[in-house]
């Protein structure tokens, strides 16, 4: 791995540890030496993904994200959801908008486990929604579309979570 990429990964890993500390752990095992939980349990335990977890549940995608996977989730925080126009989250959570909510959520998920060292070498990734997200690296900043990755490699038993600061919206068909 080139030194520049290694520095980016180390910088991002440091950011992850600062943001989430031992909630999800900086190693593959938690503080008690137990293996990490699935993506949904891990996101819920972090305490900053309440809106995401509620949306995953409302969209009937929790079982998918609890399955063996593996998956890579670009997970928007509650603050990221709060940046959406007023009423957007409530509108998406309505039962009649379930298909739209599923599309938005699947646009945050990539099949397979893609750790930060690999993410920084990519220019795009195909999501479960079917469309690609663009991945750009500038200095120590990694972006997925317009979202900045703020923490990386949150291990789960069935994949990995990378934290982002903006909700990704799939392209209109």
C-alpha atoms as a PDB file:
ATOM      1  CA  UNK A   1       0.000   0.000   0.000  1.00  0.00           C
ATOM      2  CA  UNK A   2       1.454   3.410  -0.909  1.00  0.00           C
ATOM      3  CA  UNK A   3       2.423   5.551   2.058  1.00  0.00           C
ATOM      4  CA  UNK A   4      -0.120   8.283   1.180  1.00  0.00           C
ATOM      5  CA  UNK A   5      -2.997   5.801   1.284  1.00  0.00           C
ATOM      6  CA  UNK A   6      -1.672   4.337   4.552  1.00  0.00           C
ATOM      7  CA  UNK A   7      -1.603   7.837   6.100  1.00  0.00           C
ATOM      8  CA  UNK A   8      -5.191   8.427   5.003  1.00  0.00           C
ATOM      9  CA  UNK A   9      -6.286   5.152   6.551  1.00  0.00           C
ATOM     10  CA  UNK A  10      -4.445   5.892   9.797  1.00  0.00           C
ATOM     11  CA  UNK A  11      -5.990   9.387   9.918  1.00  0.00           C
ATOM     12  CA  UNK A  12      -9.478   7.988   9.310  1.00  0.00           C
ATOM     13  CA  UNK A  13      -8.969   5.218  11.865  1.00  0.00           C
ATOM     14  CA  UNK A  14      -7.902   7.839  14.403  1.00  0.00           C
ATOM     15  CA  UNK A  15     -11.050   9.835  13.644  1.00  0.00           C
ATOM     16  CA  UNK A  16     -13.145   6.711  14.150  1.00  0.00           C
ATOM     17  CA  UNK A  17     -11.598   6.041  17.541  1.00  0.00           C
ATOM     18  CA  UNK A  18     -12.110   9.653  18.608  1.00  0.00           C
ATOM     19  CA  UNK A  19     -15.738   9.740  17.467  1.00  0.00           C
ATOM     20  CA  UNK A  20     -16.939   6.371  18.707  1.00  0.00           C
ATOM     21  CA  UNK A  21     -14.291   5.389  21.222  1.00  0.00           C
ATOM     22  CA  UNK A  22     -15.003   2.006  22.727  1.00  0.00           C
ATOM     23  CA  UNK A  23     -18.721   2.016  21.906  1.00  0.00           C
ATOM     24  CA  UNK A  24     -17.995  -0.070  18.836  1.00  0.00           C
ATOM     25  CA  UNK A  25     -14.323  -0.588  19.611  1.00  0.00           C
ATOM     26  CA  UNK A  26     -11.192   0.193  17.645  1.00  0.00           C
ATOM     27  CA  UNK A  27     -10.386  -3.508  17.362  1.00  0.00           C
ATOM     28  CA  UNK A  28     -12.509  -6.351  16.064  1.00  0.00           C
ATOM     29  CA  UNK A  29     -13.315  -7.358  19.644  1.00  0.00           C
ATOM     30  CA  UNK A  30     -15.040  -5.138  22.175  1.00  0.00           C
ATOM     31  CA  UNK A  31     -13.726  -4.241  25.610  1.00  0.00           C
ATOM     32  CA  UNK A  32     -15.010  -7.545  27.030  1.00  0.00           C
ATOM     33  CA  UNK A  33     -13.265  -9.590  24.351  1.00  0.00           C
ATOM     34  CA  UNK A  34     -16.578 -10.549  22.736  1.00  0.00           C
ATOM     35  CA  UNK A  35     -17.122 -10.552  19.001  1.00  0.00           C
ATOM     36  CA  UNK A  36     -19.048  -7.572  17.602  1.00  0.00           C
ATOM     37  CA  UNK A  37     -22.806  -7.764  17.102  1.00  0.00           C
ATOM     38  CA  UNK A  38     -24.609  -7.472  13.758  1.00  0.00           C
ATOM     39  CA  UNK A  39     -24.859  -4.147  11.923  1.00  0.00           C
ATOM     40  CA  UNK A  40     -28.252  -3.180  13.368  1.00  0.00           C
ATOM     41  CA  UNK A  41     -27.279  -3.926  16.985  1.00  0.00           C
ATOM     42  CA  UNK A  42     -23.906  -2.211  16.544  1.00  0.00           C
ATOM     43  CA  UNK A  43     -25.507   0.929  15.053  1.00  0.00           C
ATOM     44  CA  UNK A  44     -28.142   1.001  17.772  1.00  0.00           C
ATOM     45  CA  UNK A  45     -25.536   0.618  20.535  1.00  0.00           C
ATOM     46  CA  UNK A  46     -23.496   3.548  19.198  1.00  0.00           C
ATOM     47  CA  UNK A  47     -26.302   5.918  20.199  1.00  0.00           C
ATOM     48  CA  UNK A  48     -25.878   8.245  17.193  1.00  0.00           C
ATOM     49  CA  UNK A  49     -27.875   6.283  14.626  1.00  0.00           C
ATOM     50  CA  UNK A  50     -31.382   6.282  16.140  1.00  0.00           C
ATOM     51  CA  UNK A  51     -32.997   7.698  13.014  1.00  0.00           C
ATOM     52  CA  UNK A  52     -31.176   5.211  10.783  1.00  0.00           C
ATOM     53  CA  UNK A  53     -32.179   2.260  12.948  1.00  0.00           C
ATOM     54  CA  UNK A  54     -35.800   3.471  13.067  1.00  0.00           C
ATOM     55  CA  UNK A  55     -35.810   3.870   9.280  1.00  0.00           C
ATOM     56  CA  UNK A  56     -34.279   0.407   8.740  1.00  0.00           C
ATOM     57  CA  UNK A  57     -36.979  -1.060  10.965  1.00  0.00           C
ATOM     58  CA  UNK A  58     -39.801   0.874   9.239  1.00  0.00           C
ATOM     59  CA  UNK A  59     -38.508  -0.245   5.839  1.00  0.00           C
ATOM     60  CA  UNK A  60     -38.438  -3.902   6.936  1.00  0.00           C
ATOM     61  CA  UNK A  61     -34.694  -4.072   6.221  1.00  0.00           C
ATOM     62  CA  UNK A  62     -33.557  -5.003   9.741  1.00  0.00           C
ATOM     63  CA  UNK A  63     -33.652  -8.730   8.964  1.00  0.00           C
ATOM     64  CA  UNK A  64     -31.479  -8.147   5.902  1.00  0.00           C
ATOM     65  CA  UNK A  65     -28.890  -6.173   7.887  1.00  0.00           C
ATOM     66  CA  UNK A  66     -28.918  -8.862  10.576  1.00  0.00           C
ATOM     67  CA  UNK A  67     -28.315 -11.641   8.037  1.00  0.00           C
ATOM     68  CA  UNK A  68     -24.813 -13.074   7.476  1.00  0.00           C
ATOM     69  CA  UNK A  69     -23.992 -10.598   4.701  1.00  0.00           C
ATOM     70  CA  UNK A  70     -21.355  -9.343   4.718  1.00  0.00           C
ATOM     71  CA  UNK A  71     -22.330  -5.721   4.104  1.00  0.00           C
ATOM     72  CA  UNK A  72     -20.662  -2.349   4.109  1.00  0.00           C
ATOM     73  CA  UNK A  73     -22.941   0.402   5.385  1.00  0.00           C
ATOM     74  CA  UNK A  74     -22.249   4.090   4.871  1.00  0.00           C
ATOM     75  CA  UNK A  75     -24.253   5.102   7.931  1.00  0.00           C
ATOM     76  CA  UNK A  76     -25.613   8.633   8.304  1.00  0.00           C
ATOM     77  CA  UNK A  77     -25.798   9.890  11.870  1.00  0.00           C
ATOM     78  CA  UNK A  78     -28.851  11.451  13.473  1.00  0.00           C
ATOM     79  CA  UNK A  79     -27.252  14.843  12.730  1.00  0.00           C
ATOM     80  CA  UNK A  80     -27.049  13.881   9.046  1.00  0.00           C
ATOM     81  CA  UNK A  81     -30.771  13.089   8.980  1.00  0.00           C
ATOM     82  CA  UNK A  82     -31.453  16.401  10.753  1.00  0.00           C
ATOM     83  CA  UNK A  83     -29.853  18.238   7.807  1.00  0.00           C
ATOM     84  CA  UNK A  84     -32.622  17.017   5.477  1.00  0.00           C
ATOM     85  CA  UNK A  85     -35.437  19.483   4.747  1.00  0.00           C
ATOM     86  CA  UNK A  86     -38.054  19.630   7.506  1.00  0.00           C
ATOM     87  CA  UNK A  87     -40.598  16.825   7.252  1.00  0.00           C
ATOM     88  CA  UNK A  88     -38.511  14.630   4.937  1.00  0.00           C
ATOM     89  CA  UNK A  89     -37.835  11.883   7.471  1.00  0.00           C
ATOM     90  CA  UNK A  90     -41.462  11.849   8.639  1.00  0.00           C
ATOM     91  CA  UNK A  91     -42.604  11.622   5.014  1.00  0.00           C
ATOM     92  CA  UNK A  92     -40.232   8.741   4.278  1.00  0.00           C
ATOM     93  CA  UNK A  93     -41.421   6.842   7.364  1.00  0.00           C
ATOM     94  CA  UNK A  94     -45.040   6.816   6.171  1.00  0.00           C
ATOM     95  CA  UNK A  95     -46.179   3.295   5.187  1.00  0.00           C
ATOM     96  CA  UNK A  96     -47.146   4.453   1.689  1.00  0.00           C
ATOM     97  CA  UNK A  97     -43.531   5.590   1.100  1.00  0.00           C
ATOM     98  CA  UNK A  98     -41.923   2.301   2.155  1.00  0.00           C
ATOM     99  CA  UNK A  99     -40.494   1.580  -1.326  1.00  0.00           C
ATOM    100  CA  UNK A 100     -38.904   5.043  -1.459  1.00  0.00           C
ATOM    101  CA  UNK A 101     -37.461   4.595   2.044  1.00  0.00           C
ATOM    102  CA  UNK A 102     -36.074   1.187   1.081  1.00  0.00           C
ATOM    103  CA  UNK A 103     -34.407   2.709  -1.998  1.00  0.00           C
ATOM    104  CA  UNK A 104     -32.802   5.468   0.088  1.00  0.00           C
ATOM    105  CA  UNK A 105     -31.535   3.007   2.701  1.00  0.00           C
ATOM    106  CA  UNK A 106     -30.266   0.447   0.171  1.00  0.00           C
ATOM    107  CA  UNK A 107     -28.321   3.283  -1.468  1.00  0.00           C
ATOM    108  CA  UNK A 108     -26.202   3.351   1.721  1.00  0.00           C
ATOM    109  CA  UNK A 109     -25.307  -0.361   1.577  1.00  0.00           C
ATOM    110  CA  UNK A 110     -22.732  -2.210  -0.509  1.00  0.00           C
ATOM    111  CA  UNK A 111     -22.574  -6.006  -0.691  1.00  0.00           C
ATOM    112  CA  UNK A 112     -19.406  -7.369   0.874  1.00  0.00           C
ATOM    113  CA  UNK A 113     -17.126  -6.038   3.566  1.00  0.00           C
ATOM    114  CA  UNK A 114     -15.098  -3.076   2.316  1.00  0.00           C
ATOM    115  CA  UNK A 115     -12.694  -1.815   4.971  1.00  0.00           C
ATOM    116  CA  UNK A 116     -11.224   1.700   4.854  1.00  0.00           C
ATOM    117  CA  UNK A 117      -7.936   0.548   3.321  1.00  0.00           C
ATOM    118  CA  UNK A 118      -9.916  -0.696   0.320  1.00  0.00           C
ATOM    119  CA  UNK A 119     -12.434   2.179   0.223  1.00  0.00           C
ATOM    120  CA  UNK A 120      -9.667   4.738  -0.340  1.00  0.00           C
ATOM    121  CA  UNK A 121      -8.570   2.844  -3.456  1.00  0.00           C
ATOM    122  CA  UNK A 122     -12.037   2.926  -5.063  1.00  0.00           C
ATOM    123  CA  UNK A 123     -13.655   5.562  -7.264  1.00  0.00           C
ATOM    124  CA  UNK A 124     -17.159   4.103  -6.991  1.00  0.00           C
ATOM    125  CA  UNK A 125     -19.163   1.280  -5.463  1.00  0.00           C
ATOM    126  CA  UNK A 126     -22.437  -0.337  -6.511  1.00  0.00           C
ATOM    127  CA  UNK A 127     -25.093  -0.210  -3.804  1.00  0.00           C
ATOM    128  CA  UNK A 128     -27.867  -2.693  -3.008  1.00  0.00           C
ATOM    129  CA  UNK A 129     -30.233  -0.110  -4.512  1.00  0.00           C
ATOM    130  CA  UNK A 130     -28.520  -0.739  -7.852  1.00  0.00           C
ATOM    131  CA  UNK A 131     -26.900   2.639  -8.449  1.00  0.00           C
ATOM    132  CA  UNK A 132     -23.266   3.522  -7.872  1.00  0.00           C
ATOM    133  CA  UNK A 133     -21.957   5.963  -5.292  1.00  0.00           C
ATOM    134  CA  UNK A 134     -18.876   8.026  -6.152  1.00  0.00           C
ATOM    135  CA  UNK A 135     -15.895   7.758  -3.822  1.00  0.00           C
ATOM    136  CA  UNK A 136     -13.302  10.513  -3.771  1.00  0.00           C
ATOM    137  CA  UNK A 137     -10.216  10.983  -1.636  1.00  0.00           C
ATOM    138  CA  UNK A 138      -8.669  14.424  -1.185  1.00  0.00           C
ATOM    139  CA  UNK A 139      -5.871  14.548   1.338  1.00  0.00           C
ATOM    140  CA  UNK A 140      -7.241  12.801   4.414  1.00  0.00           C
ATOM    141  CA  UNK A 141     -10.880  13.439   3.456  1.00  0.00           C
ATOM    142  CA  UNK A 142     -12.950  10.640   1.975  1.00  0.00           C
ATOM    143  CA  UNK A 143     -16.299  11.437   0.417  1.00  0.00           C
ATOM    144  CA  UNK A 144     -19.120   9.195  -0.697  1.00  0.00           C
ATOM    145  CA  UNK A 145     -21.004  11.376  -3.164  1.00  0.00           C
ATOM    146  CA  UNK A 146     -21.344  14.614  -1.148  1.00  0.00           C
ATOM    147  CA  UNK A 147     -21.106  12.941   2.267  1.00  0.00           C
ATOM    148  CA  UNK A 148     -17.872  13.098   4.251  1.00  0.00           C
ATOM    149  CA  UNK A 149     -16.747   9.915   5.966  1.00  0.00           C
ATOM    150  CA  UNK A 150     -16.212  10.852   9.615  1.00  0.00           C
ATOM    151  CA  UNK A 151     -15.372   7.440  11.088  1.00  0.00           C
ATOM    152  CA  UNK A 152     -14.351   4.127   9.574  1.00  0.00           C
ATOM    153  CA  UNK A 153     -14.192   0.410  10.163  1.00  0.00           C
ATOM    154  CA  UNK A 154     -16.858   0.042  12.837  1.00  0.00           C
ATOM    155  CA  UNK A 155     -16.790  -3.743  12.935  1.00  0.00           C
ATOM    156  CA  UNK A 156     -19.966  -5.778  13.032  1.00  0.00           C
ATOM    157  CA  UNK A 157     -20.335  -9.548  12.934  1.00  0.00           C
ATOM    158  CA  UNK A 158     -21.762  -9.320   9.412  1.00  0.00           C
ATOM    159  CA  UNK A 159     -19.796  -6.455   7.919  1.00  0.00           C
ATOM    160  CA  UNK A 160     -18.515  -2.985   8.566  1.00  0.00           C
ATOM    161  CA  UNK A 161     -19.942   0.499   9.111  1.00  0.00           C
ATOM    162  CA  UNK A 162     -18.387   3.732   7.871  1.00  0.00           C
ATOM    163  CA  UNK A 163     -19.983   6.836   9.403  1.00  0.00           C
ATOM    164  CA  UNK A 164     -21.039   9.670   7.090  1.00  0.00           C
ATOM    165  CA  UNK A 165     -22.282  13.192   7.785  1.00  0.00           C
ATOM    166  CA  UNK A 166     -24.951  13.437   5.060  1.00  0.00           C
ATOM    167  CA  UNK A 167     -27.827  11.230   3.947  1.00  0.00           C
ATOM    168  CA  UNK A 168     -27.208   9.830   0.475  1.00  0.00           C
ATOM    169  CA  UNK A 169     -30.104  10.164  -1.958  1.00  0.00           C
ATOM    170  CA  UNK A 170     -30.256   7.802  -4.920  1.00  0.00           C
ATOM    171  CA  UNK A 171     -30.373   9.287  -8.404  1.00  0.00           C
ATOM    172  CA  UNK A 172     -33.834   9.752  -9.880  1.00  0.00           C
ATOM    173  CA  UNK A 173     -34.676   7.238 -12.580  1.00  0.00           C
END
